[in-house]
PDB file of N, CA and C in Angstrom:
ATOM      1  N   MET A   1     -34.320  -2.584  19.200  1.00  0.00           N
ATOM      2  CA  MET A   1     -32.992  -2.449  18.631  1.00  0.00           C
ATOM      3  C   MET A   1     -33.144  -2.163  17.138  1.00  0.00           C
ATOM      4  N   ASN A   2     -32.465  -1.153  16.672  1.00  0.00           N
ATOM      5  CA  ASN A   2     -32.494  -0.775  15.267  1.00  0.00           C
ATOM      6  C   ASN A   2     -31.502  -1.651  14.506  1.00  0.00           C
ATOM      7  N   SER A   3     -31.899  -2.177  13.359  1.00  0.00           N
ATOM      8  CA  SER A   3     -31.029  -3.086  12.616  1.00  0.00           C
ATOM      9  C   SER A   3     -29.883  -2.344  11.931  1.00  0.00           C
ATOM     10  N   GLU A   4     -29.967  -1.022  11.811  1.00  0.00           N
ATOM     11  CA  GLU A   4     -28.902  -0.263  11.174  1.00  0.00           C
ATOM     12  C   GLU A   4     -27.777   0.080  12.135  1.00  0.00           C
ATOM     13  N   GLU A   5     -28.031  -0.014  13.428  1.00  0.00           N
ATOM     14  CA  GLU A   5     -26.999   0.265  14.410  1.00  0.00           C
ATOM     15  C   GLU A   5     -26.108  -0.960  14.577  1.00  0.00           C
ATOM     16  N   PRO A   6     -24.776  -0.764  14.539  1.00  0.00           N
ATOM     17  CA  PRO A   6     -23.895  -1.917  14.750  1.00  0.00           C
ATOM     18  C   PRO A   6     -23.956  -2.380  16.195  1.00  0.00           C
ATOM     19  N   LEU A   7     -23.773  -3.658  16.400  1.00  0.00           N
ATOM     20  CA  LEU A   7     -23.743  -4.208  17.741  1.00  0.00           C
ATOM     21  C   LEU A   7     -22.471  -3.759  18.445  1.00  0.00           C
ATOM     22  N   GLU A   8     -22.549  -3.616  19.753  1.00  0.00           N
ATOM     23  CA  GLU A   8     -21.365  -3.215  20.501  1.00  0.00           C
ATOM     24  C   GLU A   8     -20.301  -4.295  20.401  1.00  0.00           C
ATOM     25  N   GLY A   9     -19.073  -3.873  20.175  1.00  0.00           N
ATOM     26  CA  GLY A   9     -17.977  -4.822  20.063  1.00  0.00           C
ATOM     27  C   GLY A   9     -17.797  -5.344  18.649  1.00  0.00           C
ATOM     28  N   HIS A  10     -18.733  -5.063  17.759  1.00  0.00           N
ATOM     29  CA  HIS A  10     -18.640  -5.531  16.374  1.00  0.00           C
ATOM     30  C   HIS A  10     -18.679  -4.345  15.415  1.00  0.00           C
ATOM     31  N   GLU A  11     -18.071  -3.258  15.824  1.00  0.00           N
ATOM     32  CA  GLU A  11     -18.074  -2.076  14.982  1.00  0.00           C
ATOM     33  C   GLU A  11     -17.108  -2.262  13.826  1.00  0.00           C
ATOM     34  N   LYS A  12     -17.485  -1.715  12.684  1.00  0.00           N
ATOM     35  CA  LYS A  12     -16.652  -1.778  11.502  1.00  0.00           C
ATOM     36  C   LYS A  12     -15.514  -0.771  11.648  1.00  0.00           C
ATOM     37  N   PRO A  13     -14.274  -1.156  11.361  1.00  0.00           N
ATOM     38  CA  PRO A  13     -13.179  -0.195  11.496  1.00  0.00           C
ATOM     39  C   PRO A  13     -13.307   0.918  10.450  1.00  0.00           C
ATOM     40  N   GLN A  14     -12.912   2.121  10.845  1.00  0.00           N
ATOM     41  CA  GLN A  14     -12.957   3.262   9.935  1.00  0.00           C
ATOM     42  C   GLN A  14     -11.817   3.119   8.934  1.00  0.00           C
ATOM     43  N   ARG A  15     -12.138   3.092   7.646  1.00  0.00           N
ATOM     44  CA  ARG A  15     -11.123   2.933   6.610  1.00  0.00           C
ATOM     45  C   ARG A  15     -10.858   4.268   5.929  1.00  0.00           C
ATOM     46  N   ASN A  16      -9.600   4.560   5.757  1.00  0.00           N
ATOM     47  CA  ASN A  16      -9.188   5.780   5.093  1.00  0.00           C
ATOM     48  C   ASN A  16      -8.920   5.459   3.625  1.00  0.00           C
ATOM     49  N   ILE A  17      -9.667   6.076   2.723  1.00  0.00           N
ATOM     50  CA  ILE A  17      -9.535   5.778   1.298  1.00  0.00           C
ATOM     51  C   ILE A  17      -8.164   6.174   0.765  1.00  0.00           C
ATOM     52  N   TRP A  18      -7.516   7.147   1.415  1.00  0.00           N
ATOM     53  CA  TRP A  18      -6.183   7.563   0.961  1.00  0.00           C
ATOM     54  C   TRP A  18      -5.147   6.469   1.171  1.00  0.00           C
ATOM     55  N   ASN A  19      -5.319   5.646   2.184  1.00  0.00           N
ATOM     56  CA  ASN A  19      -4.397   4.517   2.371  1.00  0.00           C
ATOM     57  C   ASN A  19      -4.493   3.558   1.194  1.00  0.00           C
ATOM     58  N   LEU A  20      -5.710   3.338   0.704  1.00  0.00           N
ATOM     59  CA  LEU A  20      -5.893   2.455  -0.444  1.00  0.00           C
ATOM     60  C   LEU A  20      -5.287   3.060  -1.701  1.00  0.00           C
ATOM     61  N   VAL A  21      -5.594   4.320  -1.959  1.00  0.00           N
ATOM     62  CA  VAL A  21      -5.109   4.977  -3.175  1.00  0.00           C
ATOM     63  C   VAL A  21      -3.582   5.064  -3.172  1.00  0.00           C
ATOM     64  N   LEU A  22      -3.013   5.562  -2.080  1.00  0.00           N
ATOM     65  CA  LEU A  22      -1.563   5.698  -2.018  1.00  0.00           C
ATOM     66  C   LEU A  22      -0.856   4.347  -2.019  1.00  0.00           C
ATOM     67  N   GLY A  23      -1.459   3.353  -1.385  1.00  0.00           N
ATOM     68  CA  GLY A  23      -0.872   2.016  -1.404  1.00  0.00           C
ATOM     69  C   GLY A  23      -0.794   1.453  -2.813  1.00  0.00           C
ATOM     70  N   LEU A  24      -1.854   1.621  -3.570  1.00  0.00           N
ATOM     71  CA  LEU A  24      -1.848   1.130  -4.957  1.00  0.00           C
ATOM     72  C   LEU A  24      -0.868   1.916  -5.821  1.00  0.00           C
ATOM     73  N   VAL A  25      -0.808   3.232  -5.612  1.00  0.00           N
ATOM     74  CA  VAL A  25       0.110   4.058  -6.401  1.00  0.00           C
ATOM     75  C   VAL A  25       1.563   3.703  -6.086  1.00  0.00           C
ATOM     76  N   PHE A  26       1.907   3.610  -4.808  1.00  0.00           N
ATOM     77  CA  PHE A  26       3.282   3.261  -4.438  1.00  0.00           C
ATOM     78  C   PHE A  26       3.655   1.862  -4.917  1.00  0.00           C
ATOM     79  N   LEU A  27       2.739   0.935  -4.814  1.00  0.00           N
ATOM     80  CA  LEU A  27       3.007  -0.427  -5.263  1.00  0.00           C
ATOM     81  C   LEU A  27       3.223  -0.471  -6.776  1.00  0.00           C
ATOM     82  N   ALA A  28       2.390   0.227  -7.523  1.00  0.00           N
ATOM     83  CA  ALA A  28       2.526   0.246  -8.980  1.00  0.00           C
ATOM     84  C   ALA A  28       3.816   0.959  -9.409  1.00  0.00           C
ATOM     85  N   TYR A  29       4.084   2.117  -8.800  1.00  0.00           N
ATOM     86  CA  TYR A  29       5.285   2.873  -9.171  1.00  0.00           C
ATOM     87  C   TYR A  29       6.557   2.113  -8.802  1.00  0.00           C
ATOM     88  N   GLY A  30       6.587   1.537  -7.615  1.00  0.00           N
ATOM     89  CA  GLY A  30       7.760   0.770  -7.204  1.00  0.00           C
ATOM     90  C   GLY A  30       7.996  -0.440  -8.078  1.00  0.00           C
ATOM     91  N   SER A  31       6.924  -1.117  -8.461  1.00  0.00           N
ATOM     92  CA  SER A  31       7.063  -2.277  -9.343  1.00  0.00           C
ATOM     93  C   SER A  31       7.564  -1.856 -10.725  1.00  0.00           C
ATOM     94  N   PHE A  32       7.028  -0.737 -11.225  1.00  0.00           N
ATOM     95  CA  PHE A  32       7.461  -0.222 -12.518  1.00  0.00           C
ATOM     96  C   PHE A  32       8.939   0.151 -12.499  1.00  0.00           C
ATOM     97  N   ARG A  33       9.372   0.848 -11.446  1.00  0.00           N
ATOM     98  CA  ARG A  33      10.778   1.249 -11.359  1.00  0.00           C
ATOM     99  C   ARG A  33      11.698   0.045 -11.168  1.00  0.00           C
ATOM    100  N   LEU A  34      11.251  -0.939 -10.399  1.00  0.00           N
ATOM    101  CA  LEU A  34      12.058  -2.139 -10.213  1.00  0.00           C
ATOM    102  C   LEU A  34      12.199  -2.904 -11.520  1.00  0.00           C
ATOM    103  N   TYR A  35      11.126  -2.947 -12.304  1.00  0.00           N
ATOM    104  CA  TYR A  35      11.190  -3.592 -13.614  1.00  0.00           C
ATOM    105  C   TYR A  35      12.166  -2.849 -14.525  1.00  0.00           C
ATOM    106  N   GLN A  36      12.089  -1.517 -14.534  1.00  0.00           N
ATOM    107  CA  GLN A  36      13.010  -0.733 -15.351  1.00  0.00           C
ATOM    108  C   GLN A  36      14.459  -0.968 -14.938  1.00  0.00           C
ATOM    109  N   LYS A  37      14.706  -0.987 -13.645  1.00  0.00           N
ATOM    110  CA  LYS A  37      16.072  -1.191 -13.153  1.00  0.00           C
ATOM    111  C   LYS A  37      16.581  -2.591 -13.487  1.00  0.00           C
ATOM    112  N   SER A  38      15.692  -3.580 -13.487  1.00  0.00           N
ATOM    113  CA  SER A  38      16.131  -4.944 -13.780  1.00  0.00           C
ATOM    114  C   SER A  38      16.425  -5.139 -15.265  1.00  0.00           C
ATOM    115  N   GLN A  39      15.840  -4.309 -16.140  1.00  0.00           N
ATOM    116  CA  GLN A  39      16.061  -4.425 -17.577  1.00  0.00           C
ATOM    117  C   GLN A  39      17.230  -3.571 -18.063  1.00  0.00           C
ATOM    118  N   ALA A  40      17.729  -2.680 -17.241  1.00  0.00           N
ATOM    119  CA  ALA A  40      18.810  -1.786 -17.625  1.00  0.00           C
ATOM    120  C   ALA A  40      20.136  -2.532 -17.651  1.00  0.00           C
ATOM    121  N   VAL A  41      21.018  -2.066 -18.524  1.00  0.00           N
ATOM    122  CA  VAL A  41      22.352  -2.661 -18.613  1.00  0.00           C
ATOM    123  C   VAL A  41      23.152  -2.319 -17.366  1.00  0.00           C
ATOM    124  N   GLU A  42      23.171  -1.040 -17.017  1.00  0.00           N
ATOM    125  CA  GLU A  42      23.840  -0.610 -15.796  1.00  0.00           C
ATOM    126  C   GLU A  42      22.790  -0.321 -14.739  1.00  0.00           C
ATOM    127  N   THR A  43      22.900  -0.961 -13.612  1.00  0.00           N
ATOM    128  CA  THR A  43      21.936  -0.713 -12.540  1.00  0.00           C
ATOM    129  C   THR A  43      22.648  -0.047 -11.374  1.00  0.00           C
ATOM    130  N   ASP A  44      21.919   0.813 -10.699  1.00  0.00           N
ATOM    131  CA  ASP A  44      22.470   1.434  -9.502  1.00  0.00           C
ATOM    132  C   ASP A  44      21.759   0.855  -8.287  1.00  0.00           C
ATOM    133  N   SER A  45      22.519   0.607  -7.254  1.00  0.00           N
ATOM    134  CA  SER A  45      21.972  -0.020  -6.052  1.00  0.00           C
ATOM    135  C   SER A  45      20.952   0.871  -5.368  1.00  0.00           C
ATOM    136  N   PHE A  46      21.193   2.181  -5.374  1.00  0.00           N
ATOM    137  CA  PHE A  46      20.286   3.091  -4.700  1.00  0.00           C
ATOM    138  C   PHE A  46      18.906   3.072  -5.364  1.00  0.00           C
ATOM    139  N   GLY A  47      18.858   3.004  -6.679  1.00  0.00           N
ATOM    140  CA  GLY A  47      17.580   2.963  -7.399  1.00  0.00           C
ATOM    141  C   GLY A  47      16.791   1.699  -7.075  1.00  0.00           C
ATOM    142  N   ILE A  48      17.482   0.581  -6.973  1.00  0.00           N
ATOM    143  CA  ILE A  48      16.824  -0.680  -6.641  1.00  0.00           C
ATOM    144  C   ILE A  48      16.296  -0.642  -5.210  1.00  0.00           C
ATOM    145  N   ILE A  49      17.101  -0.125  -4.298  1.00  0.00           N
ATOM    146  CA  ILE A  49      16.669  -0.021  -2.893  1.00  0.00           C
ATOM    147  C   ILE A  49      15.479   0.917  -2.768  1.00  0.00           C
ATOM    148  N   LEU A  50      15.504   2.025  -3.498  1.00  0.00           N
ATOM    149  CA  LEU A  50      14.399   2.974  -3.467  1.00  0.00           C
ATOM    150  C   LEU A  50      13.118   2.352  -4.029  1.00  0.00           C
ATOM    151  N   ALA A  51      13.232   1.591  -5.110  1.00  0.00           N
ATOM    152  CA  ALA A  51      12.058   0.927  -5.690  1.00  0.00           C
ATOM    153  C   ALA A  51      11.478  -0.100  -4.720  1.00  0.00           C
ATOM    154  N   ILE A  52      12.327  -0.851  -4.055  1.00  0.00           N
ATOM    155  CA  ILE A  52      11.864  -1.824  -3.065  1.00  0.00           C
ATOM    156  C   ILE A  52      11.206  -1.108  -1.894  1.00  0.00           C
ATOM    157  N   GLY A  53      11.736   0.052  -1.523  1.00  0.00           N
ATOM    158  CA  GLY A  53      11.126   0.854  -0.460  1.00  0.00           C
ATOM    159  C   GLY A  53       9.723   1.319  -0.835  1.00  0.00           C
ATOM    160  N   PHE A  54       9.542   1.739  -2.088  1.00  0.00           N
ATOM    161  CA  PHE A  54       8.214   2.138  -2.545  1.00  0.00           C
ATOM    162  C   PHE A  54       7.238   0.964  -2.491  1.00  0.00           C
ATOM    163  N   ILE A  55       7.696  -0.205  -2.902  1.00  0.00           N
ATOM    164  CA  ILE A  55       6.844  -1.391  -2.866  1.00  0.00           C
ATOM    165  C   ILE A  55       6.470  -1.730  -1.421  1.00  0.00           C
ATOM    166  N   ALA A  56       7.443  -1.690  -0.529  1.00  0.00           N
ATOM    167  CA  ALA A  56       7.183  -2.002   0.884  1.00  0.00           C
ATOM    168  C   ALA A  56       6.209  -0.993   1.496  1.00  0.00           C
ATOM    169  N   PHE A  57       6.379   0.290   1.182  1.00  0.00           N
ATOM    170  CA  PHE A  57       5.488   1.299   1.727  1.00  0.00           C
ATOM    171  C   PHE A  57       4.075   1.143   1.160  1.00  0.00           C
ATOM    172  N   GLY A  58       3.974   0.751  -0.115  1.00  0.00           N
ATOM    173  CA  GLY A  58       2.665   0.493  -0.712  1.00  0.00           C
ATOM    174  C   GLY A  58       1.959  -0.677  -0.042  1.00  0.00           C
ATOM    175  N   ILE A  59       2.706  -1.726   0.241  1.00  0.00           N
ATOM    176  CA  ILE A  59       2.124  -2.884   0.928  1.00  0.00           C
ATOM    177  C   ILE A  59       1.684  -2.490   2.338  1.00  0.00           C
ATOM    178  N   TYR A  60       2.485  -1.670   3.011  1.00  0.00           N
ATOM    179  CA  TYR A  60       2.124  -1.208   4.354  1.00  0.00           C
ATOM    180  C   TYR A  60       0.854  -0.360   4.326  1.00  0.00           C
ATOM    181  N   ASP A  61       0.731   0.524   3.338  1.00  0.00           N
ATOM    182  CA  ASP A  61      -0.483   1.334   3.225  1.00  0.00           C
ATOM    183  C   ASP A  61      -1.710   0.464   2.961  1.00  0.00           C
ATOM    184  N   LEU A  62      -1.580  -0.543   2.119  1.00  0.00           N
ATOM    185  CA  LEU A  62      -2.702  -1.455   1.869  1.00  0.00           C
ATOM    186  C   LEU A  62      -3.054  -2.238   3.130  1.00  0.00           C
ATOM    187  N   TYR A  63      -2.044  -2.629   3.891  1.00  0.00           N
ATOM    188  CA  TYR A  63      -2.285  -3.320   5.157  1.00  0.00           C
ATOM    189  C   TYR A  63      -3.064  -2.419   6.109  1.00  0.00           C
ATOM    190  N   LYS A  64      -2.642  -1.137   6.201  1.00  0.00           N
ATOM    191  CA  LYS A  64      -3.348  -0.193   7.064  1.00  0.00           C
ATOM    192  C   LYS A  64      -4.794  -0.023   6.613  1.00  0.00           C
ATOM    193  N   TYR A  65      -5.024  -0.014   5.319  1.00  0.00           N
ATOM    194  CA  TYR A  65      -6.389   0.170   4.821  1.00  0.00           C
ATOM    195  C   TYR A  65      -7.269  -1.014   5.210  1.00  0.00           C
ATOM    196  N   TYR A  66      -6.780  -2.222   4.994  1.00  0.00           N
ATOM    197  CA  TYR A  66      -7.605  -3.396   5.260  1.00  0.00           C
ATOM    198  C   TYR A  66      -7.761  -3.701   6.755  1.00  0.00           C
ATOM    199  N   LYS A  67      -6.805  -3.260   7.568  1.00  0.00           N
ATOM    200  CA  LYS A  67      -6.920  -3.446   9.008  1.00  0.00           C
ATOM    201  C   LYS A  67      -7.702  -2.311   9.668  1.00  0.00           C
ATOM    202  N   GLY A  68      -7.887  -1.206   8.968  1.00  0.00           N
ATOM    203  CA  GLY A  68      -8.621  -0.077   9.520  1.00  0.00           C
ATOM    204  C   GLY A  68      -7.837   0.705  10.542  1.00  0.00           C
ATOM    205  N   ILE A  69      -6.529   0.729  10.386  1.00  0.00           N
ATOM    206  CA  ILE A  69      -5.664   1.445  11.336  1.00  0.00           C
ATOM    207  C   ILE A  69      -5.705   2.936  11.039  1.00  0.00           C
TER     208      ILE A  69
END
């Protein structure tokens, strides 16, 4: 048995680096926009919902990266 070959049933999941990159970008951008919206005198509901959506999508992408989906 070669030590470099993974054992059957214990294979490492294939990770897509784009899930990591996009997850971090969406999370950072959504957090930045949410911070801007919270500091503004007049806030629009659509902007806040959109920022929360970016944060949620970033978290989902990071989840996909770490789970190897």
